[in-house]
Amino acid sequence: MSENARPLDLLNNARGKMILVELKNGNSITGKLIAFDVHINITLDGAEERKNGDVLRKLGSVFIRGDTIILISPTV
């Protein structure tokens, strides 16, 4: 990440790519980042809930409220 990059720039560069989202409740969700806003509310397509690398269930298209997110990794 360049010195002048902002967090939303990182998310914007990840749009259309697979990301990993870790939530406050301990769940992890992977999926293709479709959209986000300034509150880090995000929508994913092809989302899957995962635990220890194993898929627990396929969720499809999801909306995740930003205040439930603790980590977003644009590289999966």
N, C-alpha and C. Protein backbone atom coordinates (compact mmCIF):
# COMPACT_ATOMS: atom_id res chain seq x y z
N MET A 1 0.85 -1.16 0.00
CA MET A 1 0.00 0.00 0.00
C MET A 1 0.89 1.22 0.00
N SER A 2 0.61 2.18 -0.87
CA SER A 2 1.45 3.36 -0.96
C SER A 2 1.24 4.26 0.25
N GLU A 3 2.17 5.17 0.44
CA GLU A 3 2.16 6.04 1.62
C GLU A 3 0.91 6.91 1.70
N ASN A 4 0.35 7.32 0.58
CA ASN A 4 -0.81 8.22 0.58
C ASN A 4 -2.14 7.48 0.39
N ALA A 5 -2.12 6.16 0.37
CA ALA A 5 -3.35 5.40 0.17
C ALA A 5 -4.22 5.48 1.41
N ARG A 6 -5.52 5.51 1.18
CA ARG A 6 -6.49 5.54 2.27
C ARG A 6 -7.19 4.18 2.33
N PRO A 7 -7.78 3.84 3.48
CA PRO A 7 -8.45 2.53 3.60
C PRO A 7 -9.53 2.31 2.54
N LEU A 8 -10.30 3.33 2.22
CA LEU A 8 -11.34 3.15 1.21
C LEU A 8 -10.75 2.93 -0.18
N ASP A 9 -9.54 3.45 -0.41
CA ASP A 9 -8.85 3.18 -1.68
C ASP A 9 -8.53 1.70 -1.80
N LEU A 10 -8.10 1.10 -0.69
CA LEU A 10 -7.79 -0.33 -0.67
C LEU A 10 -9.04 -1.15 -0.99
N LEU A 11 -10.17 -0.78 -0.39
CA LEU A 11 -11.43 -1.47 -0.69
C LEU A 11 -11.83 -1.25 -2.14
N ASN A 12 -11.66 -0.04 -2.63
CA ASN A 12 -12.03 0.24 -4.02
C ASN A 12 -11.21 -0.61 -4.98
N ASN A 13 -9.94 -0.83 -4.68
CA ASN A 13 -9.08 -1.67 -5.52
C ASN A 13 -9.49 -3.14 -5.45
N ALA A 14 -10.15 -3.53 -4.34
CA ALA A 14 -10.58 -4.92 -4.17
C ALA A 14 -11.96 -5.18 -4.76
N ARG A 15 -12.64 -4.16 -5.25
CA ARG A 15 -13.97 -4.33 -5.83
C ARG A 15 -13.90 -5.33 -7.00
N GLY A 16 -14.81 -6.31 -6.97
CA GLY A 16 -14.84 -7.34 -8.00
C GLY A 16 -13.90 -8.51 -7.75
N LYS A 17 -13.19 -8.45 -6.62
CA LYS A 17 -12.25 -9.53 -6.26
C LYS A 17 -12.73 -10.23 -5.00
N MET A 18 -12.18 -11.41 -4.74
CA MET A 18 -12.51 -12.16 -3.54
C MET A 18 -11.86 -11.51 -2.33
N ILE A 19 -12.64 -11.42 -1.22
CA ILE A 19 -12.12 -10.89 0.03
C ILE A 19 -12.53 -11.81 1.17
N LEU A 20 -11.83 -11.66 2.28
CA LEU A 20 -12.15 -12.35 3.52
C LEU A 20 -12.64 -11.31 4.51
N VAL A 21 -13.78 -11.58 5.16
CA VAL A 21 -14.34 -10.68 6.16
C VAL A 21 -14.48 -11.45 7.46
N GLU A 22 -13.87 -10.94 8.52
CA GLU A 22 -14.03 -11.54 9.85
C GLU A 22 -14.95 -10.65 10.65
N LEU A 23 -15.92 -11.28 11.35
CA LEU A 23 -16.95 -10.55 12.07
C LEU A 23 -16.73 -10.63 13.58
N LYS A 24 -17.34 -9.70 14.31
CA LYS A 24 -17.22 -9.65 15.76
C LYS A 24 -17.71 -10.93 16.44
N ASN A 25 -18.66 -11.64 15.82
CA ASN A 25 -19.19 -12.86 16.43
C ASN A 25 -18.29 -14.08 16.18
N GLY A 26 -17.14 -13.88 15.53
CA GLY A 26 -16.20 -14.96 15.28
C GLY A 26 -16.35 -15.64 13.94
N ASN A 27 -17.39 -15.32 13.19
CA ASN A 27 -17.59 -15.92 11.87
C ASN A 27 -16.65 -15.29 10.84
N SER A 28 -16.31 -16.06 9.83
CA SER A 28 -15.53 -15.57 8.69
C SER A 28 -16.36 -15.80 7.43
N ILE A 29 -16.37 -14.83 6.55
CA ILE A 29 -17.12 -14.92 5.31
C ILE A 29 -16.20 -14.52 4.17
N THR A 30 -16.21 -15.32 3.10
CA THR A 30 -15.47 -14.97 1.90
C THR A 30 -16.49 -14.72 0.78
N GLY A 31 -16.11 -13.88 -0.17
CA GLY A 31 -16.97 -13.62 -1.31
C GLY A 31 -16.39 -12.52 -2.16
N LYS A 32 -17.02 -12.29 -3.30
CA LYS A 32 -16.57 -11.25 -4.22
C LYS A 32 -17.17 -9.92 -3.78
N LEU A 33 -16.32 -8.92 -3.55
CA LEU A 33 -16.76 -7.60 -3.12
C LEU A 33 -17.48 -6.90 -4.27
N ILE A 34 -18.75 -6.59 -4.04
CA ILE A 34 -19.55 -5.91 -5.06
C ILE A 34 -19.58 -4.41 -4.81
N ALA A 35 -19.89 -4.03 -3.56
CA ALA A 35 -20.01 -2.61 -3.24
C ALA A 35 -19.75 -2.38 -1.76
N PHE A 36 -19.46 -1.11 -1.40
CA PHE A 36 -19.27 -0.70 -0.01
C PHE A 36 -19.59 0.78 0.09
N ASP A 37 -19.78 1.26 1.32
CA ASP A 37 -20.01 2.68 1.53
C ASP A 37 -19.06 3.20 2.60
N VAL A 38 -19.21 4.48 2.98
CA VAL A 38 -18.29 5.09 3.94
C VAL A 38 -18.40 4.49 5.33
N HIS A 39 -19.48 3.77 5.63
CA HIS A 39 -19.64 3.11 6.92
C HIS A 39 -19.10 1.68 6.88
N ILE A 40 -18.49 1.30 5.77
CA ILE A 40 -17.94 -0.02 5.50
C ILE A 40 -19.03 -1.10 5.50
N ASN A 41 -20.27 -0.69 5.26
CA ASN A 41 -21.30 -1.68 4.93
C ASN A 41 -20.87 -2.26 3.59
N ILE A 42 -20.92 -3.58 3.45
CA ILE A 42 -20.45 -4.18 2.20
C ILE A 42 -21.47 -5.18 1.67
N THR A 43 -21.44 -5.37 0.36
CA THR A 43 -22.21 -6.44 -0.26
C THR A 43 -21.22 -7.38 -0.95
N LEU A 44 -21.48 -8.67 -0.77
CA LEU A 44 -20.66 -9.71 -1.38
C LEU A 44 -21.54 -10.60 -2.23
N ASP A 45 -20.96 -11.15 -3.28
CA ASP A 45 -21.64 -12.13 -4.11
C ASP A 45 -20.88 -13.44 -3.99
N GLY A 46 -21.59 -14.54 -4.06
CA GLY A 46 -20.96 -15.85 -3.93
C GLY A 46 -20.36 -16.07 -2.56
N ALA A 47 -20.99 -15.50 -1.53
CA ALA A 47 -20.45 -15.56 -0.18
C ALA A 47 -20.55 -16.96 0.42
N GLU A 48 -19.54 -17.29 1.22
CA GLU A 48 -19.50 -18.56 1.94
C GLU A 48 -19.06 -18.31 3.37
N GLU A 49 -19.74 -18.94 4.31
CA GLU A 49 -19.32 -18.87 5.71
C GLU A 49 -18.28 -19.96 5.92
N ARG A 50 -17.17 -19.61 6.58
CA ARG A 50 -16.06 -20.55 6.75
C ARG A 50 -15.62 -20.63 8.21
N LYS A 51 -15.11 -21.80 8.56
CA LYS A 51 -14.49 -21.99 9.87
C LYS A 51 -13.29 -22.90 9.68
N ASN A 52 -12.13 -22.46 10.14
CA ASN A 52 -10.88 -23.22 9.98
C ASN A 52 -10.63 -23.62 8.53
N GLY A 53 -11.00 -22.75 7.60
CA GLY A 53 -10.77 -23.01 6.18
C GLY A 53 -11.82 -23.87 5.51
N ASP A 54 -12.73 -24.46 6.28
CA ASP A 54 -13.77 -25.30 5.70
C ASP A 54 -15.06 -24.51 5.50
N VAL A 55 -15.74 -24.77 4.41
CA VAL A 55 -17.01 -24.09 4.13
C VAL A 55 -18.11 -24.70 4.99
N LEU A 56 -18.74 -23.85 5.81
CA LEU A 56 -19.87 -24.30 6.62
C LEU A 56 -21.17 -24.25 5.83
N ARG A 57 -21.35 -23.14 5.10
CA ARG A 57 -22.54 -23.02 4.26
C ARG A 57 -22.33 -21.95 3.20
N LYS A 58 -23.02 -22.11 2.10
CA LYS A 58 -23.00 -21.14 1.01
C LYS A 58 -24.13 -20.15 1.24
N LEU A 59 -23.81 -18.87 1.18
CA LEU A 59 -24.78 -17.82 1.48
C LEU A 59 -25.29 -17.09 0.25
N GLY A 60 -24.55 -17.12 -0.85
CA GLY A 60 -24.95 -16.38 -2.05
C GLY A 60 -24.65 -14.90 -1.90
N SER A 61 -25.61 -14.05 -2.23
CA SER A 61 -25.45 -12.60 -2.11
C SER A 61 -25.80 -12.16 -0.69
N VAL A 62 -24.91 -11.37 -0.08
CA VAL A 62 -25.14 -10.92 1.29
C VAL A 62 -24.80 -9.45 1.45
N PHE A 63 -25.44 -8.84 2.44
CA PHE A 63 -25.13 -7.48 2.89
C PHE A 63 -24.59 -7.63 4.30
N ILE A 64 -23.43 -7.05 4.58
CA ILE A 64 -22.84 -7.11 5.91
C ILE A 64 -22.72 -5.69 6.45
N ARG A 65 -23.31 -5.49 7.60
CA ARG A 65 -23.28 -4.17 8.23
C ARG A 65 -21.87 -3.87 8.74
N GLY A 66 -21.38 -2.69 8.45
CA GLY A 66 -20.01 -2.32 8.76
C GLY A 66 -19.63 -2.41 10.22
N ASP A 67 -20.57 -2.14 11.14
CA ASP A 67 -20.20 -2.16 12.56
C ASP A 67 -20.06 -3.57 13.12
N THR A 68 -20.30 -4.60 12.30
CA THR A 68 -20.08 -5.99 12.73
C THR A 68 -18.73 -6.53 12.26
N ILE A 69 -18.02 -5.76 11.44
CA ILE A 69 -16.76 -6.21 10.82
C ILE A 69 -15.57 -5.82 11.69
N ILE A 70 -14.64 -6.79 11.89
CA ILE A 70 -13.41 -6.46 12.59
C ILE A 70 -12.20 -6.49 11.65
N LEU A 71 -12.31 -7.21 10.51
CA LEU A 71 -11.19 -7.33 9.60
C LEU A 71 -11.68 -7.59 8.19
N ILE A 72 -11.04 -6.94 7.23
CA ILE A 72 -11.28 -7.22 5.81
C ILE A 72 -9.92 -7.44 5.17
N SER A 73 -9.77 -8.59 4.51
CA SER A 73 -8.53 -8.88 3.80
C SER A 73 -8.83 -9.02 2.32
N PRO A 74 -8.24 -8.16 1.49
CA PRO A 74 -8.52 -8.22 0.06
C PRO A 74 -7.80 -9.35 -0.65
N THR A 75 -6.98 -10.09 0.04
CA THR A 75 -6.27 -11.20 -0.59
C THR A 75 -6.70 -12.51 0.02
N VAL A 76 -7.41 -13.31 -0.75
CA VAL A 76 -7.85 -14.63 -0.28
C VAL A 76 -7.20 -15.68 -1.14
